[in-house]
Protein backbone atom coordinates (compact mmCIF):
# COMPACT_ATOMS: atom_id res chain seq x y z
CA MET A 1 128.00 -161.87 -63.14
CA SER A 2 124.54 -159.88 -63.81
CA ILE A 3 123.39 -156.76 -61.62
CA LYS A 4 120.62 -158.92 -60.27
CA LYS A 5 123.11 -161.57 -58.87
CA ASN A 6 125.27 -158.82 -57.61
CA PHE A 7 122.42 -157.08 -55.93
CA LEU A 8 121.70 -160.34 -54.09
CA TYR A 9 125.18 -160.72 -52.94
CA ASN A 10 125.17 -157.07 -51.62
CA ILE A 11 122.03 -157.68 -49.98
CA LEU A 12 123.63 -160.76 -48.19
CA LEU A 13 126.26 -158.22 -46.94
CA ASN A 14 124.26 -155.56 -45.72
CA ILE A 15 121.99 -157.99 -44.12
CA SER A 16 125.08 -159.40 -42.00
CA ASN A 17 126.02 -155.39 -41.81
CA ILE A 18 122.67 -154.83 -40.28
CA ALA A 19 122.33 -158.16 -38.35
CA PHE A 20 125.94 -158.03 -36.86
CA PRO A 21 125.47 -154.56 -34.84
CA ILE A 22 121.72 -155.78 -33.95
CA ILE A 23 123.07 -158.72 -32.21
CA THR A 24 126.40 -157.16 -30.89
CA ILE A 25 125.27 -153.43 -29.85
CA PRO A 26 122.40 -154.60 -27.25
CA TYR A 27 125.18 -156.90 -25.50
CA VAL A 28 128.10 -154.38 -25.76
CA SER A 29 126.27 -151.28 -24.75
CA ARG A 30 125.13 -152.73 -21.55
CA ILE A 31 128.55 -154.35 -20.80
CA LEU A 32 130.57 -151.41 -21.36
CA GLY A 33 128.03 -148.74 -20.76
CA VAL A 34 127.99 -144.89 -22.14
CA ASP A 35 131.21 -143.55 -21.49
CA GLN A 36 133.03 -146.78 -22.97
CA ILE A 37 131.33 -146.84 -25.88
CA GLY A 38 131.76 -143.09 -26.26
CA GLU A 39 135.99 -143.92 -26.20
CA PHE A 40 135.54 -146.64 -28.45
CA SER A 41 133.82 -144.33 -31.10
CA PHE A 42 136.43 -141.75 -30.75
CA VAL A 43 139.55 -143.97 -30.93
CA THR A 44 137.85 -146.07 -33.94
CA THR A 45 136.65 -142.72 -35.71
CA LEU A 46 140.31 -141.22 -35.26
CA VAL A 47 142.00 -144.19 -36.83
CA GLU A 48 139.27 -144.21 -39.72
CA TYR A 49 140.64 -140.44 -40.80
CA PHE A 50 144.10 -141.61 -40.74
CA VAL A 51 143.24 -144.47 -42.76
CA LEU A 52 141.37 -142.18 -44.72
CA PHE A 53 144.80 -140.28 -45.68
CA ALA A 54 146.44 -143.57 -46.30
CA ALA A 55 144.04 -144.53 -49.09
CA LEU A 56 144.19 -141.49 -51.01
CA GLY A 57 141.06 -141.97 -52.60
CA LYS A 58 141.54 -145.52 -54.03
CA THR A 59 138.21 -146.97 -53.31
CA LEU A 60 136.49 -144.92 -55.71
CA PHE A 61 139.17 -144.32 -58.28
CA GLY A 62 140.60 -147.84 -58.08
CA SER A 63 137.13 -149.38 -58.35
CA ARG A 64 136.30 -147.22 -61.62
CA GLU A 65 139.41 -147.60 -63.31
CA ILE A 66 139.12 -151.31 -62.64
CA ALA A 67 136.08 -151.40 -64.07
CA LYS A 68 136.82 -149.92 -67.12
CA LEU A 69 139.48 -152.42 -67.90
CA LYS A 70 137.64 -155.29 -66.47
CA ASP A 71 137.97 -157.22 -69.99
CA ASN A 72 141.70 -157.09 -69.92
CA LYS A 73 143.17 -159.00 -67.21
CA ARG A 74 146.68 -157.84 -67.85
CA SER A 75 145.78 -154.47 -67.84
CA CYS A 76 143.77 -154.81 -64.72
CA ASN A 77 147.12 -156.43 -62.96
CA ARG A 78 149.41 -153.54 -64.37
CA LEU A 79 146.92 -150.88 -62.96
CA PHE A 80 146.16 -152.66 -59.65
CA ASN A 81 150.32 -152.61 -59.07
CA ARG A 82 150.73 -149.03 -59.63
CA LEU A 83 147.82 -148.03 -57.37
CA PHE A 84 149.14 -150.76 -54.89
CA THR A 85 152.65 -148.97 -54.78
CA ILE A 86 151.17 -145.70 -54.25
CA ASN A 87 149.32 -147.13 -51.23
CA ILE A 88 152.21 -148.75 -49.72
CA ILE A 89 153.93 -145.65 -49.54
CA SER A 90 151.27 -143.40 -48.12
CA SER A 91 150.49 -146.28 -45.56
CA ILE A 92 153.97 -145.99 -44.23
CA PHE A 93 153.98 -142.35 -44.41
CA VAL A 94 150.44 -141.95 -42.33
CA SER A 95 151.06 -144.59 -40.07
CA PHE A 96 154.35 -142.72 -38.81
CA ILE A 97 152.43 -139.49 -38.57
CA PHE A 98 149.79 -141.33 -36.74
CA LEU A 99 152.34 -143.17 -34.14
CA LEU A 100 153.89 -139.79 -33.54
CA SER A 101 150.59 -138.00 -32.83
CA LEU A 102 149.95 -140.71 -29.72
CA PHE A 103 153.07 -139.30 -28.13
CA GLY A 104 152.75 -135.45 -29.21
CA ILE A 105 149.22 -134.73 -28.56
CA GLN A 106 148.14 -135.04 -24.76
CA GLN A 107 144.62 -136.04 -25.15
CA LEU A 108 145.86 -139.13 -27.29
CA THR A 109 148.80 -139.99 -24.79
CA GLU A 110 146.20 -140.70 -21.99
CA ILE A 111 144.76 -143.33 -24.24
CA ARG A 112 148.02 -144.22 -26.42
CA CYS A 113 147.54 -148.08 -25.44
CA LEU A 114 144.21 -148.04 -26.98
CA LEU A 115 144.82 -145.97 -30.12
CA PHE A 116 147.73 -147.85 -30.85
CA ILE A 117 145.94 -151.10 -31.17
CA ALA A 118 143.08 -149.54 -32.93
CA GLY A 119 145.67 -148.55 -35.41
CA ILE A 120 146.16 -152.25 -36.85
CA PRO A 121 144.03 -151.62 -39.89
CA LEU A 122 146.09 -148.26 -40.62
CA TYR A 123 149.24 -150.28 -40.58
CA PHE A 124 148.08 -152.88 -42.75
CA SER A 125 145.54 -150.43 -45.13
CA ALA A 126 147.71 -151.12 -48.42
CA LEU A 127 146.46 -154.76 -47.89
CA ASP A 128 142.91 -153.50 -48.52
CA ILE A 129 141.89 -154.40 -51.79
CA ASN A 130 138.21 -154.57 -51.94
CA TRP A 131 138.48 -151.42 -54.29
CA PHE A 132 139.73 -154.24 -56.88
CA TYR A 133 137.25 -156.91 -56.51
CA SER A 134 134.47 -154.12 -56.56
CA GLY A 135 135.92 -153.04 -60.06
CA LEU A 136 135.58 -156.46 -61.36
CA GLU A 137 132.26 -156.67 -59.95
CA LYS A 138 133.07 -159.70 -57.63
CA PHE A 139 130.35 -159.08 -55.10
CA LYS A 140 130.19 -162.95 -54.20
CA LEU A 141 133.75 -163.21 -52.80
CA ILE A 142 132.89 -159.59 -50.94
CA SER A 143 129.86 -160.84 -49.29
CA LEU A 144 131.04 -164.34 -48.16
CA ARG A 145 134.18 -163.39 -46.95
CA SER A 146 132.52 -160.66 -44.69
CA VAL A 147 129.98 -162.81 -43.54
CA PHE A 148 132.69 -165.52 -42.63
CA VAL A 149 134.57 -162.81 -40.65
CA LYS A 150 131.70 -161.36 -38.52
CA LEU A 151 130.80 -164.67 -37.46
CA VAL A 152 134.47 -165.19 -36.29
CA LEU A 153 134.02 -161.81 -34.49
CA LEU A 154 130.91 -162.49 -33.02
CA ILE A 155 132.10 -165.49 -31.33
CA GLY A 156 135.13 -163.92 -30.02
CA LEU A 157 133.09 -161.37 -28.79
CA LEU A 158 130.91 -163.28 -26.66
CA CYS A 159 133.65 -165.20 -25.34
CA LEU A 160 135.92 -162.47 -24.46
CA VAL A 161 134.05 -159.27 -23.44
CA LYS A 162 132.65 -159.82 -20.19
CA ASN A 163 132.75 -156.21 -18.19
CA LYS A 164 133.99 -152.87 -18.67
CA SER A 165 137.60 -153.36 -18.37
CA ASP A 166 137.13 -155.48 -21.56
CA LEU A 167 137.37 -152.34 -23.86
CA ILE A 168 140.80 -152.90 -24.84
CA ILE A 169 140.01 -156.57 -26.10
CA TYR A 170 136.69 -154.89 -27.96
CA VAL A 171 138.74 -152.78 -29.68
CA LEU A 172 141.73 -155.76 -30.54
CA LEU A 173 138.81 -157.85 -31.80
CA ASN A 174 137.61 -154.95 -33.92
CA SER A 175 141.03 -154.37 -35.42
CA LEU A 176 141.64 -158.16 -36.29
CA THR A 177 138.48 -158.35 -38.23
CA PHE A 178 140.00 -155.59 -40.77
CA LEU A 179 143.15 -157.63 -40.63
CA ILE A 180 141.48 -160.93 -41.37
CA ASN A 181 139.52 -159.56 -44.29
CA TYR A 182 142.62 -158.13 -45.87
CA ILE A 183 144.48 -161.25 -45.51
CA ILE A 184 141.54 -163.39 -47.28
CA ASN A 185 141.63 -160.61 -50.07
CA ILE A 186 145.14 -161.17 -50.83
CA TYR A 187 144.90 -164.91 -50.76
CA PHE A 188 142.34 -165.00 -53.49
CA PHE A 189 143.93 -162.36 -55.49
CA ILE A 190 147.09 -164.28 -55.77
CA LYS A 191 144.96 -167.67 -56.20
CA GLU A 192 143.25 -166.14 -59.06
CA GLY A 193 146.50 -165.59 -61.11
CA PHE A 194 147.03 -162.14 -60.47
CA SER A 195 150.58 -161.17 -59.29
CA ILE A 196 151.91 -158.41 -56.83
CA ARG A 197 154.59 -156.09 -57.97
CA LEU A 198 155.88 -152.71 -57.29
CA ASP A 199 155.56 -150.55 -59.82
CA LEU A 200 155.68 -146.56 -59.94
CA SER A 201 155.14 -146.09 -63.76
CA ASP A 202 152.79 -143.60 -64.85
CA CYS A 203 152.75 -142.54 -61.16
CA LYS A 204 151.75 -138.63 -61.49
CA VAL A 205 148.96 -139.69 -63.92
CA ASN A 206 147.42 -142.12 -61.20
CA LEU A 207 148.17 -140.11 -58.37
CA LYS A 208 146.36 -136.82 -59.97
CA GLY A 209 143.10 -139.28 -60.24
CA LEU A 210 143.72 -140.55 -56.70
CA VAL A 211 144.26 -136.87 -55.14
CA LEU A 212 141.27 -135.88 -56.65
CA PHE A 213 139.16 -138.47 -55.34
CA PHE A 214 140.72 -138.45 -52.19
CA PHE A 215 139.74 -134.69 -51.54
CA SER A 216 135.97 -135.72 -52.37
CA SER A 217 136.37 -138.70 -49.98
CA LEU A 218 138.09 -136.46 -47.56
CA ALA A 219 135.54 -133.79 -47.57
CA MET A 220 132.59 -136.61 -47.30
CA GLN A 221 134.24 -138.50 -44.37
CA ILE A 222 134.98 -134.83 -42.30
CA TYR A 223 131.11 -134.36 -42.16
CA LEU A 224 130.35 -137.99 -41.56
CA MET A 225 132.98 -138.08 -38.84
CA ILE A 226 134.06 -134.91 -37.59
CA ASP A 227 131.11 -134.62 -34.99
CA THR A 228 132.56 -137.62 -33.29
CA VAL A 229 136.30 -136.14 -33.26
CA MET A 230 134.81 -132.77 -32.35
CA LEU A 231 132.61 -134.29 -29.58
CA GLY A 232 135.73 -136.17 -28.06
CA PHE A 233 137.71 -133.08 -27.74
CA MET A 234 135.28 -130.61 -26.92
CA SER A 235 132.85 -132.34 -24.85
CA SER A 236 133.02 -135.73 -22.87
CA PHE A 237 132.91 -139.25 -23.43
CA TYR A 238 129.55 -139.49 -22.22
CA GLU A 239 128.12 -137.17 -24.66
CA LEU A 240 129.96 -139.07 -27.48
CA GLY A 241 128.53 -142.31 -26.28
CA ILE A 242 125.03 -140.78 -26.55
CA TYR A 243 125.44 -139.27 -29.66
CA SER A 244 127.35 -142.37 -31.37
CA SER A 245 124.36 -144.51 -30.26
CA ALA A 246 121.89 -142.18 -32.04
CA ILE A 247 124.14 -141.99 -35.36
CA LYS A 248 124.79 -145.64 -35.49
CA SER A 249 121.62 -146.31 -35.57
CA VAL A 250 120.77 -144.49 -38.56
CA ARG A 251 124.02 -145.68 -40.23
CA ILE A 252 123.90 -149.58 -39.64
CA LEU A 253 120.69 -149.14 -41.80
CA MET A 254 122.05 -146.96 -44.62
CA PRO A 255 123.32 -150.12 -46.58
CA ILE A 256 119.74 -151.31 -47.20
CA MET A 257 119.64 -148.13 -49.63
CA THR A 258 123.00 -147.91 -51.14
CA SER A 259 123.26 -151.83 -51.55
CA LEU A 260 122.08 -151.45 -55.17
CA GLY A 261 123.99 -148.36 -55.73
CA MET A 262 127.59 -150.01 -54.80
CA VAL A 263 127.01 -152.92 -57.59
CA MET A 264 125.87 -150.43 -60.29
CA LEU A 265 128.69 -147.95 -59.84
CA PRO A 266 130.99 -150.28 -61.98
CA ARG A 267 128.48 -151.10 -64.46
CA LEU A 268 127.42 -147.52 -64.33
CA SER A 269 131.38 -146.10 -65.15
CA TYR A 270 131.65 -148.87 -67.75
CA CYS A 271 128.18 -147.85 -69.44
CA ASN A 272 129.04 -144.03 -69.48
CA ASN A 273 132.66 -144.84 -70.92
CA ILE A 274 131.13 -146.97 -73.86
CA GLY A 275 128.47 -144.51 -74.51
CA ASN A 276 125.38 -146.57 -73.55
CA VAL A 277 123.36 -143.88 -72.56
CA VAL A 278 119.82 -145.71 -72.60
CA GLU A 279 121.23 -148.33 -70.03
CA TYR A 280 122.86 -145.98 -67.99
CA ARG A 281 119.89 -143.82 -67.50
CA LYS A 282 117.62 -147.27 -66.88
CA MET A 283 120.02 -147.85 -64.24
CA LEU A 284 119.64 -144.43 -62.42
CA ASP A 285 115.73 -144.39 -62.23
CA CYS A 286 116.26 -147.67 -60.62
CA ALA A 287 118.36 -146.70 -57.95
CA PHE A 288 116.56 -143.51 -57.44
CA ASP A 289 113.51 -145.41 -56.95
CA VAL A 290 115.11 -147.93 -54.59
CA ILE A 291 116.47 -145.13 -52.31
CA ASN A 292 113.22 -143.41 -52.05
CA PHE A 293 111.27 -146.59 -51.40
CA CYS A 294 113.25 -147.21 -48.42
CA SER A 295 114.74 -143.61 -46.93
CA TRP A 296 111.25 -141.84 -46.42
CA PRO A 297 109.60 -144.79 -44.38
CA LEU A 298 112.92 -145.14 -42.57
CA MET A 299 112.61 -141.43 -41.28
CA ALA A 300 109.16 -141.54 -40.45
CA TYR A 301 109.47 -144.71 -38.45
CA PHE A 302 112.58 -143.81 -36.66
CA LEU A 303 110.77 -140.15 -35.57
CA CYS A 304 107.94 -142.18 -34.16
CA ILE A 305 109.24 -144.84 -32.15
CA ALA A 306 113.05 -143.16 -31.16
CA ASP A 307 112.69 -143.47 -27.75
CA LEU A 308 111.45 -147.47 -27.59
CA PHE A 309 114.28 -148.12 -30.10
CA ILE A 310 117.01 -146.76 -27.87
CA LEU A 311 115.36 -148.22 -24.78
CA PHE A 312 115.33 -151.58 -26.02
CA PHE A 313 118.51 -151.71 -28.31
CA PHE A 314 120.85 -149.88 -26.20
CA GLY A 315 119.48 -150.00 -22.67
CA GLN A 316 118.09 -147.41 -20.21
CA SER A 317 121.73 -145.56 -19.54
CA PHE A 318 121.13 -144.30 -23.21
CA GLY A 319 117.80 -142.81 -22.78
CA GLU A 320 119.31 -139.22 -23.78
CA ALA A 321 119.99 -140.28 -27.04
CA THR A 322 116.24 -140.30 -28.21
CA LEU A 323 116.20 -136.61 -29.16
CA PRO A 324 119.61 -137.05 -31.31
CA LEU A 325 118.21 -140.15 -32.83
CA ARG A 326 115.02 -138.12 -34.00
CA ILE A 327 116.97 -135.55 -35.64
CA CYS A 328 119.42 -138.03 -37.34
CA SER A 329 116.85 -139.87 -38.75
CA VAL A 330 116.31 -136.91 -41.18
CA LEU A 331 119.54 -138.18 -42.62
CA PHE A 332 117.88 -141.06 -44.05
CA VAL A 333 116.19 -139.28 -46.90
CA VAL A 334 118.94 -136.20 -47.06
CA SER A 335 122.19 -138.71 -47.14
CA ASN A 336 120.78 -141.04 -49.31
CA PHE A 337 119.75 -138.29 -51.76
CA SER A 338 123.34 -136.78 -52.13
CA TYR A 339 124.81 -140.12 -52.28
CA PHE A 340 122.48 -140.84 -55.31
CA LEU A 341 123.34 -137.64 -57.08
CA GLY A 342 126.88 -137.06 -55.73
CA ILE A 343 128.14 -140.81 -56.33
CA GLN A 344 125.86 -142.72 -58.81
CA VAL A 345 125.07 -139.48 -61.17
CA MET A 346 128.01 -137.20 -61.06
CA THR A 347 131.09 -139.54 -59.94
CA THR A 348 130.17 -142.02 -62.54
CA ALA A 349 129.66 -139.39 -65.19
CA SER A 350 133.33 -137.88 -64.78
CA PHE A 351 132.15 -134.67 -62.94
CA GLU A 352 134.04 -135.83 -59.51
CA SER A 353 135.09 -132.26 -59.05
CA ARG A 354 131.88 -130.92 -58.73
CA TYR A 355 131.02 -133.49 -56.03
CA LEU A 356 134.14 -132.28 -54.20
CA ILE A 357 132.60 -128.82 -54.75
CA ALA A 358 129.57 -130.09 -53.14
CA THR A 359 131.39 -132.12 -50.03
CA VAL A 360 133.27 -129.06 -49.29
CA CYS A 361 130.15 -126.80 -48.73
CA GLY A 362 128.62 -129.38 -46.43
CA VAL A 363 132.16 -129.53 -44.56
CA ILE A 364 132.34 -125.93 -44.02
CA PHE A 365 128.50 -125.82 -42.70
CA ASN A 366 129.16 -129.14 -40.50
CA LEU A 367 132.18 -127.43 -38.90
CA LEU A 368 130.91 -124.01 -38.41
CA PHE A 369 127.48 -125.55 -36.83
CA ASN A 370 129.43 -127.97 -34.72
CA VAL A 371 131.87 -125.23 -33.21
CA ILE A 372 128.59 -123.26 -32.55
CA LEU A 373 126.33 -125.84 -31.22
CA ILE A 374 128.51 -128.73 -29.44
CA PRO A 375 129.70 -126.68 -26.03
CA SER A 376 126.16 -126.02 -25.40
CA MET A 377 124.38 -128.69 -26.86
CA GLY A 378 126.61 -131.70 -26.84
CA ALA A 379 125.13 -134.69 -28.59
CA ARG A 380 122.28 -132.83 -29.94
CA GLY A 381 124.41 -130.09 -31.38
CA ALA A 382 126.36 -132.62 -33.16
CA ALA A 383 123.31 -134.18 -34.79
CA TRP A 384 121.92 -131.02 -35.91
CA ALA A 385 125.38 -129.95 -37.48
CA SER A 386 125.08 -133.18 -39.39
CA VAL A 387 121.81 -132.80 -40.93
CA ILE A 388 122.68 -129.19 -41.97
CA GLY A 389 126.18 -130.21 -43.61
CA GLU A 390 124.10 -133.15 -45.32
CA ILE A 391 121.31 -130.49 -46.53
CA MET A 392 123.89 -128.49 -47.88
CA VAL A 393 125.69 -131.29 -49.87
CA SER A 394 122.39 -132.24 -51.46
CA ALA A 395 121.56 -128.77 -52.44
CA THR A 396 124.57 -128.22 -54.29
CA CYS A 397 124.48 -131.45 -55.93
CA VAL A 398 120.69 -130.74 -57.29
CA TYR A 399 122.15 -127.57 -58.45
CA TYR A 400 125.03 -129.28 -60.45
CA VAL A 401 122.83 -131.93 -61.58
CA TYR A 402 120.40 -129.71 -63.18
CA LYS A 403 122.73 -127.19 -64.75
CA LEU A 404 125.11 -129.81 -66.29
CA LYS A 405 121.83 -131.73 -67.33
CA LEU A 406 123.19 -134.99 -66.02
CA TYR A 407 119.88 -136.60 -65.04
CA SER A 408 116.29 -135.74 -64.87
CA ILE A 409 114.80 -136.67 -61.61
CA SER A 410 111.43 -138.68 -61.64
CA TRP A 411 109.24 -137.14 -58.71
CA ARG A 412 106.55 -140.03 -58.87
CA CYS A 413 108.47 -142.68 -57.27
CA LEU A 414 109.19 -139.80 -54.51
CA LYS A 415 105.95 -138.67 -54.11
CA LYS A 416 104.29 -142.38 -53.65
CA SER A 417 106.77 -142.96 -50.98
CA CYS A 418 106.56 -140.15 -48.96
CA CYS A 419 102.77 -140.17 -49.22
CA ALA A 420 102.78 -143.94 -48.04
CA SER A 421 105.25 -143.04 -45.26
CA PHE A 422 102.47 -141.02 -43.40
CA ILE A 423 100.93 -144.43 -42.26
CA PHE A 424 103.72 -144.66 -39.83
CA PRO A 425 102.44 -141.47 -37.64
CA LEU A 426 99.14 -142.54 -38.41
CA VAL A 427 99.39 -145.90 -36.81
CA TYR A 428 101.45 -144.28 -34.10
CA VAL A 429 98.56 -142.01 -33.03
CA CYS A 430 96.09 -144.77 -33.22
CA MET A 431 97.90 -147.16 -30.97
CA PHE A 432 99.24 -144.16 -28.74
CA LEU A 433 95.69 -143.21 -27.85
CA GLY A 434 94.72 -146.77 -27.10
CA SER A 435 94.91 -148.38 -23.53
CA MET A 436 97.98 -150.62 -24.29
CA GLU A 437 101.15 -150.01 -22.50
CA LYS A 438 103.96 -148.73 -24.43
CA ASN A 439 106.30 -151.65 -24.17
CA PHE A 440 108.45 -154.42 -25.94
CA LEU A 441 105.31 -155.98 -27.29
CA TRP A 442 103.79 -152.61 -28.13
CA PHE A 443 107.08 -151.68 -29.85
CA ILE A 444 106.78 -155.10 -31.99
CA LEU A 445 103.36 -154.58 -32.77
CA TYR A 446 103.53 -151.23 -34.07
CA SER A 447 106.50 -152.29 -36.58
CA PHE A 448 104.48 -155.07 -37.93
CA ILE A 449 101.45 -153.06 -38.63
CA ALA A 450 103.20 -150.00 -39.71
CA TRP A 451 105.66 -151.77 -42.00
CA VAL A 452 103.17 -153.96 -43.52
CA GLY A 453 100.61 -151.08 -44.11
CA TYR A 454 103.51 -148.94 -45.85
CA ILE A 455 103.88 -151.78 -48.41
CA LEU A 456 100.34 -152.39 -48.69
CA ILE A 457 99.91 -148.69 -49.82
CA GLN A 458 102.92 -148.92 -52.10
CA CYS A 459 101.52 -151.81 -53.99
CA LYS A 460 98.07 -149.95 -54.11
CA LEU A 461 99.99 -147.01 -55.61
CA LYS A 462 101.83 -149.31 -57.98
CA ASN A 463 105.03 -148.28 -56.83
CA SER A 464 107.76 -149.70 -59.32
CA VAL A 465 109.98 -151.24 -56.84
CA CYS A 466 107.09 -152.81 -54.77
CA MET A 467 105.82 -154.31 -58.09
CA TYR A 468 109.40 -155.53 -59.20
CA ILE A 469 109.74 -157.34 -56.06
CA PHE A 470 106.48 -159.11 -55.78
CA SER A 471 106.84 -160.21 -59.88
CA THR A 472 110.19 -161.65 -58.94
CA ILE A 473 108.78 -163.55 -55.91
CA THR A 474 105.65 -164.86 -57.96
CA LYS A 475 108.05 -166.01 -60.79
CA TYR A 476 109.93 -168.34 -58.63
CA VAL A 477 106.78 -169.63 -56.20
């Protein structure tokens, strides 16, 4: 399947990933409230850490290695079985540690039942074989399956979650979503003629690759999620609810920029593996242009309307999340820049060890500033710590990319996107000085004028992404 079709299917997946929270978050936030949302964020994030340890880096390593062997079905199946066997062993071991912690750590024993249910994705994490389909570039299956499961979850959520006491039902529905995904994946895996067998041959070789990617993933997830865990332990579920609403607002939109990157990863690894330098550079340029085209306006947009976004999206009780959201909006640019350099450039060029160093730098600064800022600033401190950690990752990635001469960044598209994004504060100031009251209509009107203005400016500047979109549209109209 072509990059274009994979990109479209990944766009479908990411639209569902964005649309689903847009529908569910306003509903759930108003029913459960700040404290319950904070508790939900704590238990699910904690489980994600254990899932990360159980996965042992299979998501990136497995996808890359399968991509290299995608033309040989037998070799793909053999590699799958070896990684799957290692994953079964690690999942059983980590699940055992997780269950022990529910009885050994006092703060966890108080919410033991909730954590046990939230742990369902961990117990069956070996069945998560998305990495296999990603390596084979079968994004159609991944996308359609995900949309179907989200619709099932949405129906269950609207029918069963009615008041604050339904938090445990919300956690259960969230966990069952993962399990249904796993079952569907395994079903199609067997249907397509692949077989599942336990195989520990070449265990040391595969384990070495898995561990290296694991530490990279671990370092990455620490500064992505440690703020949530530390807020849960060092502050309150209220502060965690405030922070999670801010960071979630940013992260649900991140896939807009990473969708093209995700479908390109297997092809980038393949091109680098066979030495197709021209195609490799061309795809990297395209991915970098898309990231800049989307990230700069999103940052400017949320800096301007964070207060109204929180009010209409989460409700009045989440008003204190406005400042953390403005701080976190910087992540649109910084996180996606580090994602591009770290994952798409360094990892596909087999320099994941350097990316590990970059992520460790981010982890150190994130942890340090979380410890310093959370006790006195709560959610705001966690937001600042996340931004500082991401900046360190980006800075380290820039250093290695230039030192190793992996990629020469084209600043033209970046400058165009940055300049065009000034339309957002300009429109905001003009409308703010007007007589119109800042309400939902004001919010919609501002969003429409600012985004249309941004696209028109980019067209005037002949941005490559904008030109490609319009040429594709006119081709089929």
